[in-house]
Amino acid sequence: MGAPRGEGHYIHWDHVKVPHWDPKISASYPRGHHSPPEDLGSSFYPQLGPYSSRDPDVLREHMTQLEEAAIGILVLSWHPPGMADDNGEPSDDLVVPAIVDTAHQYNIQVAFHLRPHKGRDNVTG
């Protein structure tokens, strides 16, 4: 996730509005992109607002919340270096060291959910 404070613009919070699967129902809903900070591409409005995952204060707050909930592992969606989904930007420098190091400070382990990507096979992950 990205926000003006961290990246200078919104990332993922402003993704395309996903249409309803039924075209008749979909026609009655607005199209286009979400418009942060009030209209977020999220089912719930985050307590911290539309945050940047690069913000060290946000990372510490998230790790504190995990620690207080006795959660010992964080599962992180990950794209290979230099890759991103259609709504994001490469985040190699965010995962290591920022997220992994901050999690380590709170004794939280990090597991990776490997995202689909071009060239993915049983060798590349």
N, C-alpha and C. Protein backbone atom coordinates (compact mmCIF):
# COMPACT_ATOMS: atom_id res chain seq x y z
N MET A 1 0.84 -1.16 0.00
CA MET A 1 0.00 0.00 0.00
C MET A 1 0.90 1.23 0.00
N GLY A 2 0.43 2.26 -0.65
CA GLY A 2 1.21 3.48 -0.70
C GLY A 2 0.33 4.70 -0.52
N ALA A 3 0.94 5.74 -0.01
CA ALA A 3 0.21 6.99 0.22
C ALA A 3 1.14 8.16 -0.04
N PRO A 4 0.59 9.35 -0.21
CA PRO A 4 1.42 10.52 -0.50
C PRO A 4 2.57 10.71 0.49
N ARG A 5 2.35 10.40 1.76
CA ARG A 5 3.41 10.59 2.77
C ARG A 5 4.64 9.72 2.49
N GLY A 6 4.44 8.53 1.92
CA GLY A 6 5.56 7.62 1.67
C GLY A 6 6.05 7.62 0.24
N GLU A 7 5.13 7.58 -0.70
CA GLU A 7 5.49 7.44 -2.11
C GLU A 7 5.21 8.68 -2.94
N GLY A 8 4.47 9.61 -2.38
CA GLY A 8 4.10 10.81 -3.13
C GLY A 8 2.77 10.66 -3.86
N HIS A 9 2.20 9.45 -3.82
CA HIS A 9 0.91 9.19 -4.45
C HIS A 9 0.33 7.90 -3.85
N TYR A 10 -0.94 7.64 -4.14
CA TYR A 10 -1.58 6.43 -3.62
C TYR A 10 -1.24 5.22 -4.48
N ILE A 11 -1.01 4.10 -3.83
CA ILE A 11 -0.77 2.82 -4.51
C ILE A 11 -1.74 1.81 -3.89
N HIS A 12 -2.47 1.13 -4.68
CA HIS A 12 -3.46 0.12 -4.32
C HIS A 12 -4.73 0.71 -3.71
N TRP A 13 -4.67 1.78 -2.96
CA TRP A 13 -5.88 2.38 -2.38
C TRP A 13 -6.77 2.93 -3.50
N ASP A 14 -6.21 3.20 -4.65
CA ASP A 14 -6.95 3.84 -5.74
C ASP A 14 -7.17 2.91 -6.94
N HIS A 15 -7.18 1.61 -6.70
CA HIS A 15 -7.30 0.69 -7.84
C HIS A 15 -8.67 0.80 -8.52
N VAL A 16 -8.80 0.16 -9.64
CA VAL A 16 -10.03 0.17 -10.42
C VAL A 16 -11.16 -0.45 -9.60
N LYS A 17 -12.35 0.14 -9.69
CA LYS A 17 -13.52 -0.42 -9.02
C LYS A 17 -13.87 -1.73 -9.72
N VAL A 18 -13.97 -2.78 -8.96
CA VAL A 18 -14.23 -4.11 -9.52
C VAL A 18 -15.72 -4.22 -9.82
N PRO A 19 -16.07 -4.50 -11.07
CA PRO A 19 -17.48 -4.59 -11.44
C PRO A 19 -18.15 -5.85 -10.91
N HIS A 20 -19.43 -5.77 -10.70
CA HIS A 20 -20.21 -6.94 -10.31
C HIS A 20 -20.18 -7.93 -11.46
N TRP A 21 -20.23 -9.21 -11.16
CA TRP A 21 -20.15 -10.23 -12.21
C TRP A 21 -21.36 -10.24 -13.12
N ASP A 22 -22.50 -9.75 -12.62
CA ASP A 22 -23.71 -9.70 -13.43
C ASP A 22 -23.78 -8.34 -14.12
N PRO A 23 -23.69 -8.28 -15.45
CA PRO A 23 -23.68 -7.00 -16.17
C PRO A 23 -24.88 -6.10 -15.86
N LYS A 24 -26.05 -6.70 -15.61
CA LYS A 24 -27.23 -5.89 -15.30
C LYS A 24 -27.06 -5.16 -13.97
N ILE A 25 -26.51 -5.83 -12.99
CA ILE A 25 -26.26 -5.21 -11.69
C ILE A 25 -25.09 -4.25 -11.79
N SER A 26 -24.06 -4.65 -12.50
CA SER A 26 -22.86 -3.83 -12.65
C SER A 26 -23.16 -2.47 -13.26
N ALA A 27 -24.12 -2.42 -14.17
CA ALA A 27 -24.48 -1.17 -14.85
C ALA A 27 -24.99 -0.10 -13.88
N SER A 28 -25.47 -0.50 -12.71
CA SER A 28 -26.02 0.46 -11.76
C SER A 28 -24.97 1.02 -10.78
N TYR A 29 -23.73 0.57 -10.92
CA TYR A 29 -22.66 1.04 -10.04
C TYR A 29 -21.66 1.90 -10.79
N PRO A 30 -21.00 2.81 -10.08
CA PRO A 30 -20.01 3.66 -10.75
C PRO A 30 -18.80 2.86 -11.23
N ARG A 31 -18.17 3.37 -12.26
CA ARG A 31 -16.96 2.75 -12.82
C ARG A 31 -15.77 3.67 -12.55
N GLY A 32 -14.61 3.23 -12.93
CA GLY A 32 -13.41 4.03 -12.76
C GLY A 32 -12.58 3.57 -11.58
N HIS A 33 -11.80 4.49 -11.04
CA HIS A 33 -10.90 4.19 -9.92
C HIS A 33 -11.48 4.73 -8.62
N HIS A 34 -11.04 4.13 -7.52
CA HIS A 34 -11.36 4.68 -6.20
C HIS A 34 -10.61 5.99 -6.05
N SER A 35 -11.13 6.88 -5.19
CA SER A 35 -10.54 8.22 -5.01
C SER A 35 -10.18 8.46 -3.55
N PRO A 36 -8.99 8.02 -3.12
CA PRO A 36 -8.57 8.25 -1.74
C PRO A 36 -8.46 9.74 -1.43
N PRO A 37 -8.53 10.16 -0.20
CA PRO A 37 -8.53 9.30 0.98
C PRO A 37 -9.90 8.83 1.45
N GLU A 38 -10.99 9.40 0.97
CA GLU A 38 -12.31 8.98 1.44
C GLU A 38 -12.77 7.67 0.81
N ASP A 39 -12.59 7.50 -0.48
CA ASP A 39 -13.04 6.32 -1.22
C ASP A 39 -11.84 5.42 -1.46
N LEU A 40 -11.74 4.35 -0.68
CA LEU A 40 -10.59 3.45 -0.78
C LEU A 40 -10.96 2.14 -1.46
N GLY A 41 -10.01 1.57 -2.15
CA GLY A 41 -10.16 0.23 -2.70
C GLY A 41 -9.93 -0.78 -1.59
N SER A 42 -10.85 -0.81 -0.63
CA SER A 42 -10.72 -1.67 0.53
C SER A 42 -12.11 -1.95 1.08
N SER A 43 -12.33 -3.15 1.59
CA SER A 43 -13.63 -3.48 2.17
C SER A 43 -13.87 -2.74 3.48
N PHE A 44 -12.79 -2.38 4.15
CA PHE A 44 -12.88 -1.69 5.43
C PHE A 44 -11.95 -0.49 5.41
N TYR A 45 -12.32 0.56 6.13
CA TYR A 45 -11.46 1.74 6.21
C TYR A 45 -10.45 1.51 7.33
N PRO A 46 -9.16 1.53 7.01
CA PRO A 46 -8.15 1.22 8.03
C PRO A 46 -8.10 2.27 9.15
N GLN A 47 -7.90 1.79 10.36
CA GLN A 47 -7.79 2.67 11.53
C GLN A 47 -6.70 3.72 11.33
N LEU A 48 -5.64 3.38 10.64
CA LEU A 48 -4.53 4.30 10.39
C LEU A 48 -4.76 5.17 9.16
N GLY A 49 -5.92 5.03 8.52
CA GLY A 49 -6.17 5.77 7.28
C GLY A 49 -5.44 5.09 6.13
N PRO A 50 -5.48 5.68 4.95
CA PRO A 50 -4.77 5.09 3.80
C PRO A 50 -3.26 5.30 3.96
N TYR A 51 -2.63 4.33 4.57
CA TYR A 51 -1.22 4.44 4.96
C TYR A 51 -0.27 4.00 3.86
N SER A 52 0.99 4.30 4.09
CA SER A 52 2.08 3.81 3.25
C SER A 52 2.76 2.68 3.98
N SER A 53 2.95 1.55 3.34
CA SER A 53 3.65 0.43 3.95
C SER A 53 5.14 0.73 4.12
N ARG A 54 5.61 1.82 3.56
CA ARG A 54 7.01 2.22 3.72
C ARG A 54 7.23 3.10 4.96
N ASP A 55 6.16 3.52 5.59
CA ASP A 55 6.26 4.39 6.75
C ASP A 55 6.70 3.56 7.97
N PRO A 56 7.87 3.85 8.54
CA PRO A 56 8.36 3.06 9.68
C PRO A 56 7.39 3.07 10.86
N ASP A 57 6.70 4.19 11.08
CA ASP A 57 5.73 4.24 12.18
C ASP A 57 4.57 3.28 11.93
N VAL A 58 4.13 3.18 10.68
CA VAL A 58 3.05 2.25 10.32
C VAL A 58 3.52 0.82 10.51
N LEU A 59 4.73 0.50 10.06
CA LEU A 59 5.26 -0.85 10.23
C LEU A 59 5.32 -1.22 11.71
N ARG A 60 5.82 -0.31 12.55
CA ARG A 60 5.90 -0.59 13.99
C ARG A 60 4.50 -0.77 14.58
N GLU A 61 3.55 0.05 14.16
CA GLU A 61 2.19 -0.07 14.67
C GLU A 61 1.57 -1.40 14.26
N HIS A 62 1.77 -1.81 13.03
CA HIS A 62 1.23 -3.10 12.59
C HIS A 62 1.88 -4.25 13.37
N MET A 63 3.18 -4.19 13.59
CA MET A 63 3.85 -5.25 14.35
C MET A 63 3.38 -5.26 15.80
N THR A 64 3.15 -4.10 16.37
CA THR A 64 2.62 -4.01 17.74
C THR A 64 1.24 -4.66 17.81
N GLN A 65 0.40 -4.38 16.81
CA GLN A 65 -0.94 -4.98 16.78
C GLN A 65 -0.85 -6.50 16.67
N LEU A 66 0.06 -6.99 15.82
CA LEU A 66 0.24 -8.44 15.69
C LEU A 66 0.72 -9.04 17.01
N GLU A 67 1.70 -8.38 17.64
CA GLU A 67 2.25 -8.85 18.90
C GLU A 67 1.17 -8.89 20.00
N GLU A 68 0.37 -7.83 20.08
CA GLU A 68 -0.68 -7.77 21.10
C GLU A 68 -1.76 -8.83 20.86
N ALA A 69 -1.94 -9.25 19.63
CA ALA A 69 -2.92 -10.28 19.30
C ALA A 69 -2.30 -11.69 19.38
N ALA A 70 -1.05 -11.76 19.82
CA ALA A 70 -0.32 -13.03 19.95
C ALA A 70 -0.19 -13.74 18.60
N ILE A 71 -0.01 -12.96 17.54
CA ILE A 71 0.21 -13.52 16.21
C ILE A 71 1.71 -13.57 15.98
N GLY A 72 2.24 -14.73 15.68
CA GLY A 72 3.69 -14.89 15.56
C GLY A 72 4.21 -14.96 14.15
N ILE A 73 3.32 -14.89 13.18
CA ILE A 73 3.79 -14.98 11.79
C ILE A 73 2.96 -14.04 10.91
N LEU A 74 3.63 -13.36 10.03
CA LEU A 74 3.02 -12.45 9.07
C LEU A 74 3.16 -13.07 7.69
N VAL A 75 2.06 -13.22 6.98
CA VAL A 75 2.11 -13.76 5.62
C VAL A 75 2.01 -12.58 4.67
N LEU A 76 3.00 -12.44 3.82
CA LEU A 76 3.15 -11.27 2.97
C LEU A 76 3.06 -11.67 1.50
N SER A 77 2.15 -11.03 0.76
CA SER A 77 2.09 -11.26 -0.69
C SER A 77 3.36 -10.69 -1.30
N TRP A 78 3.97 -11.44 -2.20
CA TRP A 78 5.26 -11.03 -2.74
C TRP A 78 5.35 -11.31 -4.23
N HIS A 79 5.92 -10.35 -4.93
CA HIS A 79 6.26 -10.52 -6.35
C HIS A 79 7.78 -10.59 -6.44
N PRO A 80 8.30 -11.30 -7.41
CA PRO A 80 9.75 -11.36 -7.58
C PRO A 80 10.34 -9.96 -7.80
N PRO A 81 11.63 -9.79 -7.56
CA PRO A 81 12.28 -8.49 -7.74
C PRO A 81 11.96 -7.85 -9.09
N GLY A 82 11.61 -6.58 -9.04
CA GLY A 82 11.32 -5.82 -10.25
C GLY A 82 9.92 -6.01 -10.80
N MET A 83 9.12 -6.84 -10.16
CA MET A 83 7.76 -7.11 -10.65
C MET A 83 6.72 -6.57 -9.67
N ALA A 84 5.50 -6.34 -10.18
CA ALA A 84 4.38 -5.89 -9.36
C ALA A 84 3.09 -6.26 -10.06
N ASP A 85 1.98 -6.14 -9.32
CA ASP A 85 0.69 -6.39 -9.95
C ASP A 85 0.28 -5.15 -10.74
N ASP A 86 -0.89 -5.20 -11.37
CA ASP A 86 -1.34 -4.10 -12.21
C ASP A 86 -1.62 -2.81 -11.44
N ASN A 87 -1.81 -2.89 -10.14
CA ASN A 87 -2.14 -1.72 -9.33
C ASN A 87 -0.98 -1.21 -8.49
N GLY A 88 0.16 -1.83 -8.59
CA GLY A 88 1.25 -1.47 -7.70
C GLY A 88 2.54 -1.13 -8.41
N GLU A 89 3.59 -1.12 -7.62
CA GLU A 89 4.94 -0.85 -8.08
C GLU A 89 5.85 -1.90 -7.45
N PRO A 90 7.01 -2.18 -8.04
CA PRO A 90 7.93 -3.12 -7.40
C PRO A 90 8.23 -2.68 -5.96
N SER A 91 8.31 -3.66 -5.08
CA SER A 91 8.49 -3.34 -3.66
C SER A 91 9.66 -4.09 -3.03
N ASP A 92 10.63 -4.45 -3.85
CA ASP A 92 11.78 -5.21 -3.35
C ASP A 92 12.41 -4.55 -2.13
N ASP A 93 12.62 -3.24 -2.18
CA ASP A 93 13.28 -2.53 -1.10
C ASP A 93 12.40 -2.39 0.14
N LEU A 94 11.12 -2.65 0.01
CA LEU A 94 10.21 -2.58 1.15
C LEU A 94 10.26 -3.88 1.94
N VAL A 95 10.26 -5.00 1.24
CA VAL A 95 10.22 -6.30 1.91
C VAL A 95 11.48 -6.50 2.74
N VAL A 96 12.62 -6.33 2.11
CA VAL A 96 13.90 -6.44 2.81
C VAL A 96 14.64 -5.15 2.55
N PRO A 97 14.99 -4.42 3.58
CA PRO A 97 14.98 -4.86 4.96
C PRO A 97 13.76 -4.41 5.78
N ALA A 98 12.99 -3.45 5.32
CA ALA A 98 12.00 -2.80 6.17
C ALA A 98 11.05 -3.76 6.89
N ILE A 99 10.26 -4.54 6.16
CA ILE A 99 9.27 -5.39 6.80
C ILE A 99 9.93 -6.53 7.56
N VAL A 100 10.86 -7.22 6.93
CA VAL A 100 11.51 -8.36 7.59
C VAL A 100 12.25 -7.92 8.84
N ASP A 101 13.00 -6.83 8.78
CA ASP A 101 13.74 -6.36 9.95
C ASP A 101 12.81 -5.88 11.07
N THR A 102 11.75 -5.18 10.71
CA THR A 102 10.82 -4.71 11.73
C THR A 102 10.12 -5.89 12.39
N ALA A 103 9.69 -6.87 11.60
CA ALA A 103 9.06 -8.07 12.16
C ALA A 103 10.02 -8.78 13.12
N HIS A 104 11.28 -8.87 12.73
CA HIS A 104 12.29 -9.54 13.56
C HIS A 104 12.40 -8.85 14.93
N GLN A 105 12.31 -7.53 14.96
CA GLN A 105 12.40 -6.79 16.23
C GLN A 105 11.27 -7.17 17.18
N TYR A 106 10.16 -7.65 16.64
CA TYR A 106 9.00 -8.05 17.43
C TYR A 106 8.86 -9.57 17.55
N ASN A 107 9.91 -10.29 17.16
CA ASN A 107 9.91 -11.76 17.17
C ASN A 107 8.76 -12.34 16.34
N ILE A 108 8.47 -11.69 15.23
CA ILE A 108 7.43 -12.16 14.32
C ILE A 108 8.12 -12.71 13.07
N GLN A 109 7.74 -13.91 12.69
CA GLN A 109 8.31 -14.52 11.49
C GLN A 109 7.54 -14.03 10.27
N VAL A 110 8.19 -14.09 9.11
CA VAL A 110 7.57 -13.66 7.86
C VAL A 110 7.56 -14.83 6.88
N ALA A 111 6.37 -15.12 6.35
CA ALA A 111 6.21 -16.14 5.30
C ALA A 111 5.75 -15.41 4.05
N PHE A 112 6.03 -15.97 2.91
CA PHE A 112 5.69 -15.30 1.65
C PHE A 112 4.64 -16.07 0.86
N HIS A 113 3.64 -15.33 0.40
CA HIS A 113 2.65 -15.84 -0.54
C HIS A 113 3.15 -15.39 -1.91
N LEU A 114 3.62 -16.32 -2.71
CA LEU A 114 4.17 -15.98 -4.03
C LEU A 114 3.04 -15.67 -4.99
N ARG A 115 3.04 -14.46 -5.51
CA ARG A 115 1.99 -14.01 -6.42
C ARG A 115 2.21 -14.55 -7.82
N PRO A 116 1.14 -14.76 -8.57
CA PRO A 116 1.32 -15.17 -9.97
C PRO A 116 2.10 -14.09 -10.72
N HIS A 117 2.97 -14.51 -11.61
CA HIS A 117 3.75 -13.56 -12.40
C HIS A 117 4.17 -14.20 -13.71
N LYS A 118 4.54 -13.34 -14.66
CA LYS A 118 5.01 -13.85 -15.97
C LYS A 118 6.21 -14.74 -15.77
N GLY A 119 6.21 -15.84 -16.47
CA GLY A 119 7.35 -16.75 -16.40
C GLY A 119 7.35 -17.67 -15.18
N ARG A 120 6.27 -17.62 -14.38
CA ARG A 120 6.23 -18.47 -13.18
C ARG A 120 6.04 -19.93 -13.59
N ASP A 121 6.89 -20.77 -13.04
CA ASP A 121 6.77 -22.21 -13.27
C ASP A 121 7.32 -22.92 -12.03
N ASN A 122 7.51 -24.23 -12.09
CA ASN A 122 7.97 -24.95 -10.92
C ASN A 122 9.42 -24.63 -10.53
N VAL A 123 10.16 -23.94 -11.38
CA VAL A 123 11.54 -23.55 -11.07
C VAL A 123 11.58 -22.12 -10.51
N THR A 124 10.82 -21.20 -11.12
CA THR A 124 10.89 -19.80 -10.72
C THR A 124 9.97 -19.46 -9.55
N GLY A 125 9.12 -20.39 -9.15
CA GLY A 125 8.26 -20.14 -7.99
C GLY A 125 6.89 -19.81 -8.42
